[in-house]
Amino acid sequence: MNQCESKTGGICAQVATWKQSVHAGNRETGRLLFSSYWCDEHADRVVKKRKQDWSEPARMERIVPVVL
């Protein structure tokens, strides 16, 4: 399991549940630059921040199934 990569207010100790892929050029067809791993809380912050900045939405993929 990957750990959340957030360092906002200290290092996050939660297990990563989301993977963000950043590509050069076109979103899925461009070369993969890097991947980041986020917990639910920090993934939500990334998405909200990008909306606030009028940036293209973050490409997030859930890597841990939802447990109900």
C-alpha atoms as a PDB file:
ATOM      1  CA  MET A   1       0.000   0.000   0.000  1.00  0.00           C
ATOM      2  CA  ASN A   2       1.131   3.515  -0.770  1.00  0.00           C
ATOM      3  CA  GLN A   3       1.091   6.314   1.777  1.00  0.00           C
ATOM      4  CA  CYS A   4      -0.553   9.688   1.106  1.00  0.00           C
ATOM      5  CA  GLU A   5       2.066  12.117  -0.218  1.00  0.00           C
ATOM      6  CA  SER A   6       0.587  15.248   1.354  1.00  0.00           C
ATOM      7  CA  LYS A   7       2.943  17.318   3.439  1.00  0.00           C
ATOM      8  CA  THR A   8       0.428  20.059   4.299  1.00  0.00           C
ATOM      9  CA  GLY A   9       0.738  20.708   8.025  1.00  0.00           C
ATOM     10  CA  GLY A  10       3.168  17.808   8.407  1.00  0.00           C
ATOM     11  CA  ILE A  11       3.369  14.441   6.675  1.00  0.00           C
ATOM     12  CA  CYS A  12       0.041  12.635   6.265  1.00  0.00           C
ATOM     13  CA  ALA A  13       0.161   9.145   7.769  1.00  0.00           C
ATOM     14  CA  GLN A  14      -2.979   7.824   6.055  1.00  0.00           C
ATOM     15  CA  VAL A  15      -3.042   5.073   3.439  1.00  0.00           C
ATOM     16  CA  ALA A  16      -3.402   6.387  -0.116  1.00  0.00           C
ATOM     17  CA  THR A  17      -6.768   5.635  -1.716  1.00  0.00           C
ATOM     18  CA  TRP A  18      -6.366   7.717  -4.902  1.00  0.00           C
ATOM     19  CA  LYS A  19      -3.710   7.892  -7.619  1.00  0.00           C
ATOM     20  CA  GLN A  20      -3.316  11.090  -9.646  1.00  0.00           C
ATOM     21  CA  SER A  21      -1.629  10.717 -13.048  1.00  0.00           C
ATOM     22  CA  VAL A  22      -0.048  13.760 -14.709  1.00  0.00           C
ATOM     23  CA  HIS A  23       0.590  13.516 -18.448  1.00  0.00           C
ATOM     24  CA  ALA A  24       2.387  15.784 -20.925  1.00  0.00           C
ATOM     25  CA  GLY A  25       0.222  16.903 -23.819  1.00  0.00           C
ATOM     26  CA  ASN A  26      -3.126  15.145 -24.184  1.00  0.00           C
ATOM     27  CA  ARG A  27      -4.483  13.749 -20.939  1.00  0.00           C
ATOM     28  CA  GLU A  28      -4.498   9.982 -21.579  1.00  0.00           C
ATOM     29  CA  THR A  29      -2.344   9.827 -24.706  1.00  0.00           C
ATOM     30  CA  GLY A  30       0.473  12.105 -23.563  1.00  0.00           C
ATOM     31  CA  ARG A  31       3.627  10.799 -21.940  1.00  0.00           C
ATOM     32  CA  LEU A  32       3.220  10.031 -18.224  1.00  0.00           C
ATOM     33  CA  LEU A  33       5.227  12.571 -16.227  1.00  0.00           C
ATOM     34  CA  PHE A  34       4.508  11.319 -12.714  1.00  0.00           C
ATOM     35  CA  SER A  35       1.921   9.812 -10.402  1.00  0.00           C
ATOM     36  CA  SER A  36       0.944  11.086  -6.956  1.00  0.00           C
ATOM     37  CA  TYR A  37      -0.877   9.191  -4.225  1.00  0.00           C
ATOM     38  CA  TRP A  38      -3.507  10.787  -1.959  1.00  0.00           C
ATOM     39  CA  CYS A  39      -5.857   9.829   0.873  1.00  0.00           C
ATOM     40  CA  ASP A  40      -9.565  10.723   0.507  1.00  0.00           C
ATOM     41  CA  GLU A  41      -9.206  14.037   2.360  1.00  0.00           C
ATOM     42  CA  HIS A  42      -6.214  15.304   0.397  1.00  0.00           C
ATOM     43  CA  ALA A  43      -7.553  14.055  -2.968  1.00  0.00           C
ATOM     44  CA  ASP A  44     -10.667  16.143  -2.318  1.00  0.00           C
ATOM     45  CA  ARG A  45      -8.471  19.174  -1.537  1.00  0.00           C
ATOM     46  CA  VAL A  46      -6.518  18.709  -4.802  1.00  0.00           C
ATOM     47  CA  VAL A  47      -9.740  18.587  -6.838  1.00  0.00           C
ATOM     48  CA  LYS A  48     -11.206  21.658  -5.086  1.00  0.00           C
ATOM     49  CA  LYS A  49      -7.963  23.648  -5.481  1.00  0.00           C
ATOM     50  CA  ARG A  50      -7.803  22.927  -9.222  1.00  0.00           C
ATOM     51  CA  LYS A  51     -11.452  24.012  -9.623  1.00  0.00           C
ATOM     52  CA  GLN A  52     -10.722  27.203  -7.652  1.00  0.00           C
ATOM     53  CA  ASP A  53      -7.705  27.967  -9.862  1.00  0.00           C
ATOM     54  CA  TRP A  54      -9.727  27.238 -13.034  1.00  0.00           C
ATOM     55  CA  SER A  55      -7.230  24.489 -13.900  1.00  0.00           C
ATOM     56  CA  GLU A  56      -8.060  21.340 -15.795  1.00  0.00           C
ATOM     57  CA  PRO A  57      -9.607  18.801 -13.382  1.00  0.00           C
ATOM     58  CA  ALA A  58      -7.210  16.432 -11.685  1.00  0.00           C
ATOM     59  CA  ARG A  59      -7.128  12.952 -13.245  1.00  0.00           C
ATOM     60  CA  MET A  60      -7.800  10.738 -10.227  1.00  0.00           C
ATOM     61  CA  GLU A  61      -8.198   6.965 -10.106  1.00  0.00           C
ATOM     62  CA  ARG A  62      -9.466   5.171  -7.003  1.00  0.00           C
ATOM     63  CA  ILE A  63      -6.943   2.471  -6.021  1.00  0.00           C
ATOM     64  CA  VAL A  64      -8.728   1.164  -2.901  1.00  0.00           C
ATOM     65  CA  PRO A  65     -12.305  -0.116  -3.184  1.00  0.00           C
ATOM     66  CA  VAL A  66     -15.043   1.659  -1.243  1.00  0.00           C
ATOM     67  CA  VAL A  67     -16.145  -0.300   1.831  1.00  0.00           C
ATOM     68  CA  LEU A  68     -19.753   0.310   2.822  1.00  0.00           C
END
